[in-house]
Amino acid sequence: GVRQAVAVGCPDDRVGERVAAVVVADPGLDVEACRRWFADQGVARFRTPELVVHVEAIPLLGLGKPDRNALRSRVAALAAADPASSESGSTSSRGPADLPSAELTTKGTERSGSR
């Protein structure tokens, strides 16, 4: 299941920006599984993430809120390194080494997979 998730914008040359989900989740979660979950909740497909990035922990700011700037930068760097992932909607599965260790933290939670 999903333990934490944060949605951020991922730069896209064609449409300007696409939705990316940065998740702390079981390895089986991919873009299609994510879209199926949203569809089951009644969310239109165009509003669902087009990229899923797995991390060990969501970086947090001093007040416990997700560091969206760090996440956006990381997602943009991953998309630039693998442009096919943001264009095709395929999953980008990443581990803890993809975020600098200074940004890793295990304090608090942002949002679980259920509402």
C-alpha atoms as a PDB file:
ATOM      1  CA  GLY A   1       0.000   0.000   0.000  1.00  0.00           C
ATOM      2  CA  VAL A   2       0.866   3.675  -0.065  1.00  0.00           C
ATOM      3  CA  ARG A   3       2.226   5.082   3.198  1.00  0.00           C
ATOM      4  CA  GLN A   4       2.903   8.651   1.993  1.00  0.00           C
ATOM      5  CA  ALA A   5       2.279  10.505  -1.253  1.00  0.00           C
ATOM      6  CA  VAL A   6       2.838  14.005  -2.581  1.00  0.00           C
ATOM      7  CA  ALA A   7       1.785  15.253  -6.017  1.00  0.00           C
ATOM      8  CA  VAL A   8       4.105  17.703  -7.762  1.00  0.00           C
ATOM      9  CA  GLY A   9       4.432  19.202 -11.218  1.00  0.00           C
ATOM     10  CA  CYS A  10       6.911  17.694 -13.653  1.00  0.00           C
ATOM     11  CA  PRO A  11       8.107  19.997 -16.473  1.00  0.00           C
ATOM     12  CA  ASP A  12       6.984  18.918 -19.942  1.00  0.00           C
ATOM     13  CA  ASP A  13       7.999  20.582 -23.213  1.00  0.00           C
ATOM     14  CA  ARG A  14       4.743  19.688 -24.941  1.00  0.00           C
ATOM     15  CA  VAL A  15       2.082  20.587 -22.358  1.00  0.00           C
ATOM     16  CA  GLY A  16       4.074  22.671 -19.875  1.00  0.00           C
ATOM     17  CA  GLU A  17       3.648  20.454 -16.835  1.00  0.00           C
ATOM     18  CA  ARG A  18       2.461  16.942 -15.973  1.00  0.00           C
ATOM     19  CA  VAL A  19       1.385  15.487 -12.637  1.00  0.00           C
ATOM     20  CA  ALA A  20       3.913  13.289 -10.837  1.00  0.00           C
ATOM     21  CA  ALA A  21       3.280  11.344  -7.637  1.00  0.00           C
ATOM     22  CA  VAL A  22       6.199  10.894  -5.260  1.00  0.00           C
ATOM     23  CA  VAL A  23       5.348   7.947  -3.037  1.00  0.00           C
ATOM     24  CA  VAL A  24       6.540   5.906  -0.115  1.00  0.00           C
ATOM     25  CA  ALA A  25       4.848   2.666  -1.127  1.00  0.00           C
ATOM     26  CA  ASP A  26       5.193  -1.021  -1.764  1.00  0.00           C
ATOM     27  CA  PRO A  27       7.252  -1.758  -4.892  1.00  0.00           C
ATOM     28  CA  GLY A  28       4.238  -2.975  -6.905  1.00  0.00           C
ATOM     29  CA  LEU A  29       2.718   0.491  -7.267  1.00  0.00           C
ATOM     30  CA  ASP A  30       3.128   1.800 -10.805  1.00  0.00           C
ATOM     31  CA  VAL A  31       1.353   4.352 -12.985  1.00  0.00           C
ATOM     32  CA  GLU A  32      -1.386   1.926 -14.049  1.00  0.00           C
ATOM     33  CA  ALA A  33      -2.066   0.740 -10.482  1.00  0.00           C
ATOM     34  CA  CYS A  34      -2.192   4.372  -9.380  1.00  0.00           C
ATOM     35  CA  ARG A  35      -4.617   5.267 -12.186  1.00  0.00           C
ATOM     36  CA  ARG A  36      -6.827   2.261 -11.361  1.00  0.00           C
ATOM     37  CA  TRP A  37      -7.057   3.424  -7.744  1.00  0.00           C
ATOM     38  CA  PHE A  38      -8.028   6.947  -8.810  1.00  0.00           C
ATOM     39  CA  ALA A  39     -10.563   5.561 -11.320  1.00  0.00           C
ATOM     40  CA  ASP A  40     -12.123   3.495  -8.519  1.00  0.00           C
ATOM     41  CA  GLN A  41     -12.485   6.772  -6.574  1.00  0.00           C
ATOM     42  CA  GLY A  42     -14.248   8.398  -9.553  1.00  0.00           C
ATOM     43  CA  VAL A  43     -11.360  10.683 -10.586  1.00  0.00           C
ATOM     44  CA  ALA A  44     -11.063  11.466 -14.302  1.00  0.00           C
ATOM     45  CA  ARG A  45      -7.961   9.969 -15.960  1.00  0.00           C
ATOM     46  CA  PHE A  46      -6.579  13.382 -17.008  1.00  0.00           C
ATOM     47  CA  ARG A  47      -6.377  14.343 -13.324  1.00  0.00           C
ATOM     48  CA  THR A  48      -4.254  11.335 -12.334  1.00  0.00           C
ATOM     49  CA  PRO A  49      -0.440  11.162 -12.067  1.00  0.00           C
ATOM     50  CA  GLU A  50       1.470  10.379 -15.252  1.00  0.00           C
ATOM     51  CA  LEU A  51       4.675   9.526 -13.411  1.00  0.00           C
ATOM     52  CA  VAL A  52       5.203   7.652 -10.137  1.00  0.00           C
ATOM     53  CA  VAL A  53       8.504   8.072  -8.312  1.00  0.00           C
ATOM     54  CA  HIS A  54       9.254   5.769  -5.372  1.00  0.00           C
ATOM     55  CA  VAL A  55      11.316   7.144  -2.472  1.00  0.00           C
ATOM     56  CA  GLU A  56      12.143   5.762   0.949  1.00  0.00           C
ATOM     57  CA  ALA A  57      10.981   8.951   2.701  1.00  0.00           C
ATOM     58  CA  ILE A  58       9.381  12.266   1.778  1.00  0.00           C
ATOM     59  CA  PRO A  59      11.700  15.185   2.637  1.00  0.00           C
ATOM     60  CA  LEU A  60      10.053  17.561   5.095  1.00  0.00           C
ATOM     61  CA  LEU A  61      10.502  21.224   5.963  1.00  0.00           C
ATOM     62  CA  GLY A  62      11.058  22.348   9.549  1.00  0.00           C
ATOM     63  CA  LEU A  63       7.315  22.545  10.259  1.00  0.00           C
ATOM     64  CA  GLY A  64       6.722  18.994   9.025  1.00  0.00           C
ATOM     65  CA  LYS A  65       5.285  19.903   5.611  1.00  0.00           C
ATOM     66  CA  PRO A  66       6.608  18.161   2.483  1.00  0.00           C
ATOM     67  CA  ASP A  67       9.505  19.955   0.799  1.00  0.00           C
ATOM     68  CA  ARG A  68       7.774  20.323  -2.576  1.00  0.00           C
ATOM     69  CA  ASN A  69      10.666  22.298  -4.070  1.00  0.00           C
ATOM     70  CA  ALA A  70      13.089  19.439  -3.360  1.00  0.00           C
ATOM     71  CA  LEU A  71      10.580  16.938  -4.738  1.00  0.00           C
ATOM     72  CA  ARG A  72       9.918  19.021  -7.873  1.00  0.00           C
ATOM     73  CA  SER A  73      13.651  19.363  -8.505  1.00  0.00           C
ATOM     74  CA  ARG A  74      14.159  15.625  -8.064  1.00  0.00           C
ATOM     75  CA  VAL A  75      11.285  14.696 -10.378  1.00  0.00           C
ATOM     76  CA  ALA A  76      12.507  17.198 -13.001  1.00  0.00           C
ATOM     77  CA  ALA A  77      16.024  15.723 -12.819  1.00  0.00           C
ATOM     78  CA  LEU A  78      14.673  12.179 -13.198  1.00  0.00           C
ATOM     79  CA  ALA A  79      12.472  13.180 -16.136  1.00  0.00           C
ATOM     80  CA  ALA A  80      15.402  14.951 -17.817  1.00  0.00           C
ATOM     81  CA  ALA A  81      17.593  11.868 -17.320  1.00  0.00           C
ATOM     82  CA  ASP A  82      14.865   9.597 -18.741  1.00  0.00           C
ATOM     83  CA  PRO A  83      12.641  11.701 -21.057  1.00  0.00           C
ATOM     84  CA  ALA A  84      10.723   8.606 -22.182  1.00  0.00           C
ATOM     85  CA  SER A  85       9.312   8.143 -18.674  1.00  0.00           C
ATOM     86  CA  SER A  86       7.506  11.483 -18.660  1.00  0.00           C
ATOM     87  CA  GLU A  87       6.365  11.197 -22.275  1.00  0.00           C
ATOM     88  CA  SER A  88       5.088   7.621 -22.174  1.00  0.00           C
ATOM     89  CA  GLY A  89       3.622   7.670 -18.679  1.00  0.00           C
ATOM     90  CA  SER A  90       5.776   4.737 -17.625  1.00  0.00           C
ATOM     91  CA  THR A  91       6.758   4.313 -14.013  1.00  0.00           C
ATOM     92  CA  SER A  92       9.992   5.704 -12.685  1.00  0.00           C
ATOM     93  CA  SER A  93      10.832   3.613  -9.659  1.00  0.00           C
ATOM     94  CA  ARG A  94      13.517   5.138  -7.498  1.00  0.00           C
ATOM     95  CA  GLY A  95      15.124   4.308  -4.180  1.00  0.00           C
ATOM     96  CA  PRO A  96      16.430   6.396  -1.304  1.00  0.00           C
ATOM     97  CA  ALA A  97      19.701   7.217  -3.063  1.00  0.00           C
ATOM     98  CA  ASP A  98      17.791   9.463  -5.452  1.00  0.00           C
ATOM     99  CA  LEU A  99      17.275  12.106  -2.775  1.00  0.00           C
ATOM    100  CA  PRO A 100      20.300  13.559  -1.021  1.00  0.00           C
ATOM    101  CA  SER A 101      20.659  11.938   2.395  1.00  0.00           C
ATOM    102  CA  ALA A 102      20.361  15.336   4.096  1.00  0.00           C
ATOM    103  CA  GLU A 103      16.800  15.561   2.743  1.00  0.00           C
ATOM    104  CA  LEU A 104      15.706  12.127   3.931  1.00  0.00           C
ATOM    105  CA  THR A 105      13.613  12.062   7.056  1.00  0.00           C
ATOM    106  CA  THR A 106      11.053   9.766   8.599  1.00  0.00           C
ATOM    107  CA  LYS A 107       9.167  12.344  10.692  1.00  0.00           C
ATOM    108  CA  GLY A 108       5.393  12.552  10.260  1.00  0.00           C
ATOM    109  CA  THR A 109       3.187  11.610   7.316  1.00  0.00           C
ATOM    110  CA  GLU A 110       1.605  13.710   4.619  1.00  0.00           C
ATOM    111  CA  ARG A 111      -1.187  11.614   3.175  1.00  0.00           C
ATOM    112  CA  SER A 112      -2.027   7.940   3.105  1.00  0.00           C
ATOM    113  CA  GLY A 113      -3.382   6.075   0.083  1.00  0.00           C
ATOM    114  CA  SER A 114      -6.916   6.093   1.452  1.00  0.00           C
ATOM    115  CA  ARG A 115      -9.234   9.002   1.918  1.00  0.00           C
END
